[in-house]
Protein backbone atom coordinates (compact mmCIF):
# COMPACT_ATOMS: atom_id res chain seq x y z
CA MET A 1 -194.18 76.97 -62.66
CA ASN A 2 -190.77 74.88 -62.27
CA VAL A 3 -189.97 71.51 -63.49
CA GLU A 4 -191.28 69.61 -60.47
CA GLU A 5 -194.87 71.14 -60.62
CA GLU A 6 -194.72 70.71 -64.24
CA VAL A 7 -193.92 66.70 -63.31
CA GLN A 8 -197.20 66.71 -60.79
CA ARG A 9 -199.19 68.23 -63.30
CA LEU A 10 -197.97 66.27 -65.63
CA ARG A 11 -198.88 62.93 -63.02
CA GLU A 12 -202.21 64.18 -62.87
CA GLU A 13 -203.18 65.08 -66.82
CA ILE A 14 -202.16 60.94 -67.05
CA LYS A 15 -204.50 59.82 -64.42
CA ARG A 16 -206.99 61.99 -66.05
CA LEU A 17 -206.36 60.58 -69.42
CA GLY A 18 -204.56 56.92 -68.91
CA GLN A 19 -206.12 53.73 -68.29
CA VAL A 20 -204.51 52.20 -64.75
CA GLN A 21 -203.54 49.20 -64.72
CA THR A 22 -203.52 46.30 -62.54
CA ASP A 23 -199.74 46.96 -60.98
CA GLY A 24 -201.23 50.95 -60.07
CA SER A 25 -199.58 52.07 -63.06
CA TYR A 26 -201.37 54.59 -65.49
CA LYS A 27 -200.79 53.96 -69.22
CA VAL A 28 -201.82 56.37 -72.18
CA THR A 29 -200.51 57.23 -75.44
CA PHE A 30 -198.36 60.37 -76.11
CA GLY A 31 -201.13 61.34 -79.05
CA THR A 32 -203.71 61.45 -76.36
CA LEU A 33 -201.71 63.84 -74.22
CA PHE A 34 -200.53 65.95 -77.05
CA ASN A 35 -203.96 66.31 -78.55
CA ASP A 36 -205.67 67.17 -75.46
CA ASP A 37 -206.85 70.89 -74.93
CA GLN A 38 -206.30 71.46 -70.99
CA CYS A 39 -202.86 69.63 -71.28
CA ALA A 40 -202.31 72.00 -74.13
CA ASN A 41 -203.05 74.70 -72.05
CA ILE A 42 -201.07 73.60 -68.95
CA PHE A 43 -197.94 72.35 -70.72
CA GLU A 44 -195.99 75.31 -72.73
CA ALA A 45 -192.97 72.28 -73.89
CA LEU A 46 -195.18 68.90 -73.40
CA VAL A 47 -192.21 66.99 -74.72
CA GLY A 48 -189.50 68.73 -72.18
CA THR A 49 -191.68 68.00 -68.89
CA LEU A 50 -192.00 64.23 -70.33
CA ARG A 51 -188.44 63.83 -70.66
CA ALA A 52 -187.98 65.53 -67.31
CA ALA A 53 -190.36 62.84 -65.51
CA LYS A 54 -188.63 60.38 -67.34
CA LYS A 55 -185.28 61.14 -65.96
CA ARG A 56 -186.67 61.14 -62.77
CA LYS A 57 -188.54 58.05 -63.43
CA VAL A 58 -191.89 59.09 -62.93
CA VAL A 59 -192.80 57.55 -66.74
CA SER A 60 -191.25 55.55 -68.51
CA TYR A 61 -191.33 55.32 -72.74
CA ASP A 62 -189.34 54.01 -75.74
CA GLY A 63 -187.37 56.39 -77.52
CA GLU A 64 -185.95 60.16 -76.60
CA LEU A 65 -187.68 62.64 -78.34
CA LEU A 66 -191.19 62.06 -79.44
CA LEU A 67 -192.94 64.24 -82.17
CA GLN A 68 -196.47 64.61 -83.08
CA GLY A 69 -197.65 62.56 -85.76
CA VAL A 70 -195.00 60.47 -85.87
CA HIS A 71 -195.11 59.40 -82.17
CA ASP A 72 -198.99 59.71 -81.77
CA ASN A 73 -199.07 55.81 -80.60
CA VAL A 74 -196.07 55.61 -78.16
CA VAL A 75 -197.53 54.72 -74.65
CA ILE A 76 -196.21 56.65 -72.20
CA THR A 77 -196.33 54.91 -68.51
CA LEU A 78 -197.14 56.50 -65.09
CA ASN A 79 -194.97 54.63 -62.88
CA PRO A 80 -196.69 53.29 -59.54
CA THR A 81 -195.64 55.54 -56.33
CA PRO A 82 -194.27 53.13 -54.21
């Protein structure tokens, strides 16, 4: 799976696990994504996929590197598609 495919799969997983907002975005915590069995089976390197998605402005979150345990409560926002 290439990076673009992984970012697309990440979109789908955030929509599945997250809460839709009034502006059309979705919010989910890093811990929810990291601890989900389906996500664990899809993404070999979830943190790398999140960084690639952030670089492409698909998602936004505070910080650069998210670590399991320490950053479980960091909210990841899937930006609304235009």
